[in-house]
PDB file of N, CA and C in Angstrom:
ATOM      1  N   UNK A   1       2.556 -16.349 -14.271  1.00  0.00           N
ATOM      2  CA  UNK A   1       2.220 -15.073 -14.100  1.00  0.00           C
ATOM      3  C   UNK A   1       2.101 -14.276 -15.394  1.00  0.00           C
ATOM      4  N   UNK A   2       1.133 -13.572 -15.656  1.00  0.00           N
ATOM      5  CA  UNK A   2       1.059 -12.707 -16.903  1.00  0.00           C
ATOM      6  C   UNK A   2       1.815 -11.449 -16.747  1.00  0.00           C
ATOM      7  N   UNK A   3       2.104 -10.788 -17.831  1.00  0.00           N
ATOM      8  CA  UNK A   3       2.803  -9.610 -17.819  1.00  0.00           C
ATOM      9  C   UNK A   3       1.973  -8.497 -17.064  1.00  0.00           C
ATOM     10  N   UNK A   4       0.645  -8.499 -17.309  1.00  0.00           N
ATOM     11  CA  UNK A   4      -0.150  -7.600 -16.570  1.00  0.00           C
ATOM     12  C   UNK A   4      -0.119  -7.811 -15.028  1.00  0.00           C
ATOM     13  N   UNK A   5      -0.167  -8.976 -14.581  1.00  0.00           N
ATOM     14  CA  UNK A   5       0.009  -9.366 -13.210  1.00  0.00           C
ATOM     15  C   UNK A   5       1.353  -8.895 -12.607  1.00  0.00           C
ATOM     16  N   UNK A   6       2.472  -8.999 -13.387  1.00  0.00           N
ATOM     17  CA  UNK A   6       3.745  -8.636 -12.987  1.00  0.00           C
ATOM     18  C   UNK A   6       3.706  -7.070 -12.780  1.00  0.00           C
ATOM     19  N   UNK A   7       3.179  -6.402 -13.722  1.00  0.00           N
ATOM     20  CA  UNK A   7       3.053  -4.964 -13.599  1.00  0.00           C
ATOM     21  C   UNK A   7       2.237  -4.504 -12.415  1.00  0.00           C
ATOM     22  N   UNK A   8       1.203  -5.131 -12.142  1.00  0.00           N
ATOM     23  CA  UNK A   8       0.346  -4.844 -10.929  1.00  0.00           C
ATOM     24  C   UNK A   8       1.104  -5.055  -9.688  1.00  0.00           C
ATOM     25  N   UNK A   9       1.805  -6.207  -9.577  1.00  0.00           N
ATOM     26  CA  UNK A   9       2.604  -6.586  -8.427  1.00  0.00           C
ATOM     27  C   UNK A   9       3.728  -5.616  -8.220  1.00  0.00           C
ATOM     28  N   UNK A  10       4.434  -5.203  -9.347  1.00  0.00           N
ATOM     29  CA  UNK A  10       5.407  -4.178  -9.161  1.00  0.00           C
ATOM     30  C   UNK A  10       4.847  -2.834  -8.678  1.00  0.00           C
ATOM     31  N   UNK A  11       3.760  -2.448  -9.238  1.00  0.00           N
ATOM     32  CA  UNK A  11       3.163  -1.218  -8.759  1.00  0.00           C
ATOM     33  C   UNK A  11       2.820  -1.240  -7.286  1.00  0.00           C
ATOM     34  N   UNK A  12       2.235  -2.428  -6.835  1.00  0.00           N
ATOM     35  CA  UNK A  12       1.887  -2.602  -5.459  1.00  0.00           C
ATOM     36  C   UNK A  12       3.130  -2.448  -4.548  1.00  0.00           C
ATOM     37  N   UNK A  13       4.263  -3.057  -4.981  1.00  0.00           N
ATOM     38  CA  UNK A  13       5.380  -3.215  -4.120  1.00  0.00           C
ATOM     39  C   UNK A  13       6.293  -2.015  -4.162  1.00  0.00           C
ATOM     40  N   UNK A  14       6.347  -1.282  -5.283  1.00  0.00           N
ATOM     41  CA  UNK A  14       7.220  -0.210  -5.368  1.00  0.00           C
ATOM     42  C   UNK A  14       6.678   1.183  -5.261  1.00  0.00           C
ATOM     43  N   UNK A  15       5.294   1.303  -5.037  1.00  0.00           N
ATOM     44  CA  UNK A  15       4.605   2.540  -4.991  1.00  0.00           C
ATOM     45  C   UNK A  15       4.572   2.934  -3.481  1.00  0.00           C
ATOM     46  N   UNK A  16       4.668   4.217  -3.264  1.00  0.00           N
ATOM     47  CA  UNK A  16       4.442   4.695  -1.876  1.00  0.00           C
ATOM     48  C   UNK A  16       2.933   4.541  -1.460  1.00  0.00           C
ATOM     49  N   UNK A  17       2.064   4.701  -2.570  1.00  0.00           N
ATOM     50  CA  UNK A  17       0.688   4.632  -2.406  1.00  0.00           C
ATOM     51  C   UNK A  17       0.257   3.355  -3.036  1.00  0.00           C
ATOM     52  N   UNK A  18       0.519   2.192  -2.466  1.00  0.00           N
ATOM     53  CA  UNK A  18       0.253   0.977  -3.045  1.00  0.00           C
ATOM     54  C   UNK A  18      -1.344   0.724  -3.233  1.00  0.00           C
ATOM     55  N   UNK A  19      -1.719  -0.121  -4.134  1.00  0.00           N
ATOM     56  CA  UNK A  19      -3.091  -0.484  -4.371  1.00  0.00           C
ATOM     57  C   UNK A  19      -3.330  -1.776  -3.608  1.00  0.00           C
ATOM     58  N   UNK A  20      -4.305  -1.746  -2.780  1.00  0.00           N
ATOM     59  CA  UNK A  20      -4.637  -2.938  -1.910  1.00  0.00           C
ATOM     60  C   UNK A  20      -5.896  -3.661  -2.470  1.00  0.00           C
ATOM     61  N   UNK A  21      -5.989  -4.869  -2.272  1.00  0.00           N
ATOM     62  CA  UNK A  21      -7.268  -5.611  -2.608  1.00  0.00           C
ATOM     63  C   UNK A  21      -8.191  -5.270  -1.434  1.00  0.00           C
ATOM     64  N   UNK A  22      -9.447  -5.591  -1.626  1.00  0.00           N
ATOM     65  CA  UNK A  22     -10.457  -5.344  -0.517  1.00  0.00           C
ATOM     66  C   UNK A  22     -10.095  -6.071   0.698  1.00  0.00           C
ATOM     67  N   UNK A  23      -9.531  -7.407   0.528  1.00  0.00           N
ATOM     68  CA  UNK A  23      -9.223  -8.254   1.633  1.00  0.00           C
ATOM     69  C   UNK A  23      -7.966  -7.639   2.371  1.00  0.00           C
ATOM     70  N   UNK A  24      -7.051  -7.172   1.706  1.00  0.00           N
ATOM     71  CA  UNK A  24      -5.822  -6.460   2.374  1.00  0.00           C
ATOM     72  C   UNK A  24      -6.343  -5.238   3.081  1.00  0.00           C
ATOM     73  N   UNK A  25      -7.145  -4.397   2.482  1.00  0.00           N
ATOM     74  CA  UNK A  25      -7.725  -3.206   3.205  1.00  0.00           C
ATOM     75  C   UNK A  25      -8.462  -3.556   4.369  1.00  0.00           C
ATOM     76  N   UNK A  26      -9.255  -4.637   4.312  1.00  0.00           N
ATOM     77  CA  UNK A  26     -10.086  -5.045   5.439  1.00  0.00           C
ATOM     78  C   UNK A  26      -9.238  -5.572   6.629  1.00  0.00           C
ATOM     79  N   UNK A  27      -8.105  -6.276   6.314  1.00  0.00           N
ATOM     80  CA  UNK A  27      -7.226  -6.794   7.288  1.00  0.00           C
ATOM     81  C   UNK A  27      -6.626  -5.639   8.064  1.00  0.00           C
ATOM     82  N   UNK A  28      -6.282  -4.614   7.301  1.00  0.00           N
ATOM     83  CA  UNK A  28      -5.629  -3.351   8.073  1.00  0.00           C
ATOM     84  C   UNK A  28      -6.644  -2.550   8.815  1.00  0.00           C
ATOM     85  N   UNK A  29      -7.899  -2.648   8.345  1.00  0.00           N
ATOM     86  CA  UNK A  29      -8.958  -1.835   9.104  1.00  0.00           C
ATOM     87  C   UNK A  29      -9.635  -2.730  10.190  1.00  0.00           C
ATOM     88  N   UNK A  30      -9.327  -4.037  10.209  1.00  0.00           N
ATOM     89  CA  UNK A  30     -10.014  -4.928  11.120  1.00  0.00           C
ATOM     90  C   UNK A  30     -11.460  -5.184  10.821  1.00  0.00           C
ATOM     91  N   UNK A  31     -11.727  -5.198   9.490  1.00  0.00           N
ATOM     92  CA  UNK A  31     -13.174  -5.564   9.081  1.00  0.00           C
ATOM     93  C   UNK A  31     -13.051  -6.709   7.915  1.00  0.00           C
ATOM     94  N   UNK A  32     -14.063  -7.185   7.560  1.00  0.00           N
ATOM     95  CA  UNK A  32     -14.079  -8.164   6.534  1.00  0.00           C
ATOM     96  C   UNK A  32     -13.941  -7.590   5.104  1.00  0.00           C
ATOM     97  N   UNK A  33     -13.631  -8.449   4.099  1.00  0.00           N
ATOM     98  CA  UNK A  33     -13.544  -7.981   2.769  1.00  0.00           C
ATOM     99  C   UNK A  33     -14.964  -7.578   2.319  1.00  0.00           C
ATOM    100  N   UNK A  34     -16.069  -8.160   2.796  1.00  0.00           N
ATOM    101  CA  UNK A  34     -17.346  -7.848   2.481  1.00  0.00           C
ATOM    102  C   UNK A  34     -17.736  -6.446   2.991  1.00  0.00           C
ATOM    103  N   UNK A  35     -17.279  -6.082   4.181  1.00  0.00           N
ATOM    104  CA  UNK A  35     -17.545  -4.706   4.710  1.00  0.00           C
ATOM    105  C   UNK A  35     -16.850  -3.674   3.721  1.00  0.00           C
ATOM    106  N   UNK A  36     -15.656  -3.884   3.288  1.00  0.00           N
ATOM    107  CA  UNK A  36     -14.917  -3.021   2.384  1.00  0.00           C
ATOM    108  C   UNK A  36     -15.676  -2.922   1.144  1.00  0.00           C
ATOM    109  N   UNK A  37     -16.129  -3.997   0.603  1.00  0.00           N
ATOM    110  CA  UNK A  37     -16.945  -4.046  -0.730  1.00  0.00           C
ATOM    111  C   UNK A  37     -18.208  -3.275  -0.558  1.00  0.00           C
ATOM    112  N   UNK A  38     -18.793  -3.431   0.623  1.00  0.00           N
ATOM    113  CA  UNK A  38     -20.122  -2.729   0.826  1.00  0.00           C
ATOM    114  C   UNK A  38     -19.849  -1.202   0.922  1.00  0.00           C
ATOM    115  N   UNK A  39     -18.792  -0.735   1.635  1.00  0.00           N
ATOM    116  CA  UNK A  39     -18.419   0.622   1.657  1.00  0.00           C
ATOM    117  C   UNK A  39     -18.180   1.142   0.238  1.00  0.00           C
ATOM    118  N   UNK A  40     -17.443   0.427  -0.519  1.00  0.00           N
ATOM    119  CA  UNK A  40     -17.246   0.891  -1.922  1.00  0.00           C
ATOM    120  C   UNK A  40     -18.539   0.918  -2.801  1.00  0.00           C
ATOM    121  N   UNK A  41     -19.313  -0.073  -2.694  1.00  0.00           N
ATOM    122  CA  UNK A  41     -20.589  -0.151  -3.384  1.00  0.00           C
ATOM    123  C   UNK A  41     -21.502   0.953  -3.093  1.00  0.00           C
ATOM    124  N   UNK A  42     -21.458   1.441  -1.855  1.00  0.00           N
ATOM    125  CA  UNK A  42     -22.336   2.599  -1.400  1.00  0.00           C
ATOM    126  C   UNK A  42     -21.789   3.932  -1.458  1.00  0.00           C
ATOM    127  N   UNK A  43     -20.530   3.905  -1.955  1.00  0.00           N
ATOM    128  CA  UNK A  43     -19.873   5.328  -2.228  1.00  0.00           C
ATOM    129  C   UNK A  43     -19.234   5.808  -0.992  1.00  0.00           C
ATOM    130  N   UNK A  44     -19.118   4.978   0.116  1.00  0.00           N
ATOM    131  CA  UNK A  44     -18.465   5.510   1.300  1.00  0.00           C
ATOM    132  C   UNK A  44     -16.984   5.452   1.256  1.00  0.00           C
ATOM    133  N   UNK A  45     -16.428   4.516   0.342  1.00  0.00           N
ATOM    134  CA  UNK A  45     -15.007   4.380   0.258  1.00  0.00           C
ATOM    135  C   UNK A  45     -14.506   4.543  -1.143  1.00  0.00           C
ATOM    136  N   UNK A  46     -13.521   5.387  -1.346  1.00  0.00           N
ATOM    137  CA  UNK A  46     -12.968   5.598  -2.637  1.00  0.00           C
ATOM    138  C   UNK A  46     -12.137   4.412  -3.129  1.00  0.00           C
ATOM    139  N   UNK A  47     -12.270   4.025  -4.425  1.00  0.00           N
ATOM    140  CA  UNK A  47     -11.443   2.917  -4.930  1.00  0.00           C
ATOM    141  C   UNK A  47     -11.126   3.254  -6.375  1.00  0.00           C
ATOM    142  N   UNK A  48     -10.355   2.482  -6.989  1.00  0.00           N
ATOM    143  CA  UNK A  48      -9.988   2.579  -8.440  1.00  0.00           C
ATOM    144  C   UNK A  48     -10.155   1.232  -9.023  1.00  0.00           C
ATOM    145  N   UNK A  49     -10.222   1.215 -10.366  1.00  0.00           N
ATOM    146  CA  UNK A  49     -10.457  -0.038 -11.058  1.00  0.00           C
ATOM    147  C   UNK A  49      -9.224  -0.261 -11.922  1.00  0.00           C
ATOM    148  N   UNK A  50      -8.672  -1.503 -11.858  1.00  0.00           N
ATOM    149  CA  UNK A  50      -7.583  -1.903 -12.722  1.00  0.00           C
ATOM    150  C   UNK A  50      -8.080  -2.132 -14.125  1.00  0.00           C
ATOM    151  N   UNK A  51      -7.219  -2.204 -15.071  1.00  0.00           N
ATOM    152  CA  UNK A  51      -7.625  -2.311 -16.507  1.00  0.00           C
ATOM    153  C   UNK A  51      -8.521  -3.667 -16.661  1.00  0.00           C
ATOM    154  N   UNK A  52      -8.382  -4.627 -15.916  1.00  0.00           N
ATOM    155  CA  UNK A  52      -9.172  -5.793 -16.024  1.00  0.00           C
ATOM    156  C   UNK A  52     -10.575  -5.670 -15.277  1.00  0.00           C
ATOM    157  N   UNK A  53     -10.749  -4.530 -14.701  1.00  0.00           N
ATOM    158  CA  UNK A  53     -12.033  -4.393 -13.890  1.00  0.00           C
ATOM    159  C   UNK A  53     -11.962  -4.621 -12.406  1.00  0.00           C
ATOM    160  N   UNK A  54     -10.966  -5.133 -11.909  1.00  0.00           N
ATOM    161  CA  UNK A  54     -10.789  -5.407 -10.472  1.00  0.00           C
ATOM    162  C   UNK A  54     -10.618  -4.125  -9.697  1.00  0.00           C
ATOM    163  N   UNK A  55     -11.291  -4.054  -8.478  1.00  0.00           N
ATOM    164  CA  UNK A  55     -11.210  -2.850  -7.744  1.00  0.00           C
ATOM    165  C   UNK A  55     -10.130  -2.899  -6.713  1.00  0.00           C
ATOM    166  N   UNK A  56      -9.514  -1.686  -6.427  1.00  0.00           N
ATOM    167  CA  UNK A  56      -8.416  -1.658  -5.472  1.00  0.00           C
ATOM    168  C   UNK A  56      -8.617  -0.318  -4.607  1.00  0.00           C
ATOM    169  N   UNK A  57      -8.137  -0.457  -3.427  1.00  0.00           N
ATOM    170  CA  UNK A  57      -8.102   0.798  -2.517  1.00  0.00           C
ATOM    171  C   UNK A  57      -6.733   1.196  -2.333  1.00  0.00           C
ATOM    172  N   UNK A  58      -6.558   2.505  -2.382  1.00  0.00           N
ATOM    173  CA  UNK A  58      -5.218   3.078  -2.121  1.00  0.00           C
ATOM    174  C   UNK A  58      -4.760   2.981  -0.723  1.00  0.00           C
ATOM    175  N   UNK A  59      -3.468   2.666  -0.478  1.00  0.00           N
ATOM    176  CA  UNK A  59      -3.075   2.526   0.932  1.00  0.00           C
ATOM    177  C   UNK A  59      -3.171   3.845   1.611  1.00  0.00           C
ATOM    178  N   UNK A  60      -3.119   5.002   0.942  1.00  0.00           N
ATOM    179  CA  UNK A  60      -3.259   6.314   1.639  1.00  0.00           C
ATOM    180  C   UNK A  60      -4.762   6.413   2.176  1.00  0.00           C
ATOM    181  N   UNK A  61      -5.691   5.919   1.465  1.00  0.00           N
ATOM    182  CA  UNK A  61      -7.050   5.936   1.832  1.00  0.00           C
ATOM    183  C   UNK A  61      -7.274   5.139   3.138  1.00  0.00           C
ATOM    184  N   UNK A  62      -6.695   3.898   3.096  1.00  0.00           N
ATOM    185  CA  UNK A  62      -6.709   3.018   4.277  1.00  0.00           C
ATOM    186  C   UNK A  62      -6.010   3.684   5.451  1.00  0.00           C
ATOM    187  N   UNK A  63      -4.924   4.282   5.204  1.00  0.00           N
ATOM    188  CA  UNK A  63      -4.082   4.925   6.343  1.00  0.00           C
ATOM    189  C   UNK A  63      -4.942   6.002   6.932  1.00  0.00           C
ATOM    190  N   UNK A  64      -5.677   6.943   6.093  1.00  0.00           N
ATOM    191  CA  UNK A  64      -6.440   8.007   6.507  1.00  0.00           C
ATOM    192  C   UNK A  64      -7.590   7.527   7.365  1.00  0.00           C
ATOM    193  N   UNK A  65      -8.319   6.405   6.975  1.00  0.00           N
ATOM    194  CA  UNK A  65      -9.420   5.909   7.727  1.00  0.00           C
ATOM    195  C   UNK A  65      -8.858   5.231   9.056  1.00  0.00           C
ATOM    196  N   UNK A  66      -7.752   4.684   9.017  1.00  0.00           N
ATOM    197  CA  UNK A  66      -7.250   4.034  10.179  1.00  0.00           C
ATOM    198  C   UNK A  66      -6.885   5.148  11.203  1.00  0.00           C
ATOM    199  N   UNK A  67      -6.254   6.190  10.672  1.00  0.00           N
ATOM    200  CA  UNK A  67      -5.978   7.337  11.638  1.00  0.00           C
ATOM    201  C   UNK A  67      -7.286   7.905  12.235  1.00  0.00           C
ATOM    202  N   UNK A  68      -8.234   8.106  11.378  1.00  0.00           N
ATOM    203  CA  UNK A  68      -9.629   8.597  11.983  1.00  0.00           C
ATOM    204  C   UNK A  68     -10.161   7.710  12.932  1.00  0.00           C
ATOM    205  N   UNK A  69     -10.187   6.413  12.786  1.00  0.00           N
ATOM    206  CA  UNK A  69     -10.611   5.369  13.732  1.00  0.00           C
ATOM    207  C   UNK A  69      -9.840   5.587  15.005  1.00  0.00           C
ATOM    208  N   UNK A  70      -8.574   5.668  14.954  1.00  0.00           N
ATOM    209  CA  UNK A  70      -7.712   5.773  16.234  1.00  0.00           C
ATOM    210  C   UNK A  70      -8.076   7.057  16.888  1.00  0.00           C
ATOM    211  N   UNK A  71      -8.233   8.127  16.168  1.00  0.00           N
ATOM    212  CA  UNK A  71      -8.471   9.468  16.823  1.00  0.00           C
ATOM    213  C   UNK A  71      -9.892   9.687  17.291  1.00  0.00           C
ATOM    214  N   UNK A  72     -10.920   9.235  16.457  1.00  0.00           N
ATOM    215  CA  UNK A  72     -12.278   9.538  16.713  1.00  0.00           C
ATOM    216  C   UNK A  72     -13.244   8.468  16.765  1.00  0.00           C
ATOM    217  N   UNK A  73     -12.732   7.182  16.543  1.00  0.00           N
ATOM    218  CA  UNK A  73     -13.739   6.139  16.433  1.00  0.00           C
ATOM    219  C   UNK A  73     -14.091   6.043  15.021  1.00  0.00           C
ATOM    220  N   UNK A  74     -15.073   5.160  14.705  1.00  0.00           N
ATOM    221  CA  UNK A  74     -15.525   4.902  13.270  1.00  0.00           C
ATOM    222  C   UNK A  74     -16.004   6.175  12.664  1.00  0.00           C
ATOM    223  N   UNK A  75     -15.506   6.496  11.468  1.00  0.00           N
ATOM    224  CA  UNK A  75     -15.934   7.765  10.778  1.00  0.00           C
ATOM    225  C   UNK A  75     -17.491   7.663  10.444  1.00  0.00           C
ATOM    226  N   UNK A  76     -18.146   8.778  10.618  1.00  0.00           N
ATOM    227  CA  UNK A  76     -19.543   8.834  10.289  1.00  0.00           C
ATOM    228  C   UNK A  76     -19.911   8.290   8.849  1.00  0.00           C
ATOM    229  N   UNK A  77     -19.066   8.629   7.890  1.00  0.00           N
ATOM    230  CA  UNK A  77     -19.487   8.295   6.594  1.00  0.00           C
ATOM    231  C   UNK A  77     -19.342   6.724   6.353  1.00  0.00           C
ATOM    232  N   UNK A  78     -18.752   5.934   7.216  1.00  0.00           N
ATOM    233  CA  UNK A  78     -18.695   4.476   7.071  1.00  0.00           C
ATOM    234  C   UNK A  78     -19.814   3.765   7.908  1.00  0.00           C
ATOM    235  N   UNK A  79     -20.516   4.458   8.703  1.00  0.00           N
ATOM    236  CA  UNK A  79     -21.597   3.852   9.511  1.00  0.00           C
ATOM    237  C   UNK A  79     -22.771   3.601   8.670  1.00  0.00           C
ATOM    238  N   UNK A  80     -23.507   2.513   9.019  1.00  0.00           N
ATOM    239  CA  UNK A  80     -24.750   2.152   8.322  1.00  0.00           C
ATOM    240  C   UNK A  80     -25.776   3.297   8.495  1.00  0.00           C
ATOM    241  N   UNK A  81     -26.621   3.454   7.547  1.00  0.00           N
ATOM    242  CA  UNK A  81     -27.725   4.428   7.569  1.00  0.00           C
ATOM    243  C   UNK A  81     -28.697   3.958   8.507  1.00  0.00           C
TER     244      UNK A  81
END
């Protein structure tokens, strides 16, 4: 494991607002990694980029969407046009 990978892992495990892979976000939202990537590609889902260019979704973003789904069903901004 490289130093960069260790730092990313530490950030993910020690942060209250962990950075999730698209697969991890999809598992929590009950959708596929591809659906999460599509939402990110079309601007429907906020994400950040790691120094190596990989994309991650904040846990707080996933928690907010999950709450919206529970309370109101799928949010309008995630629906297909």
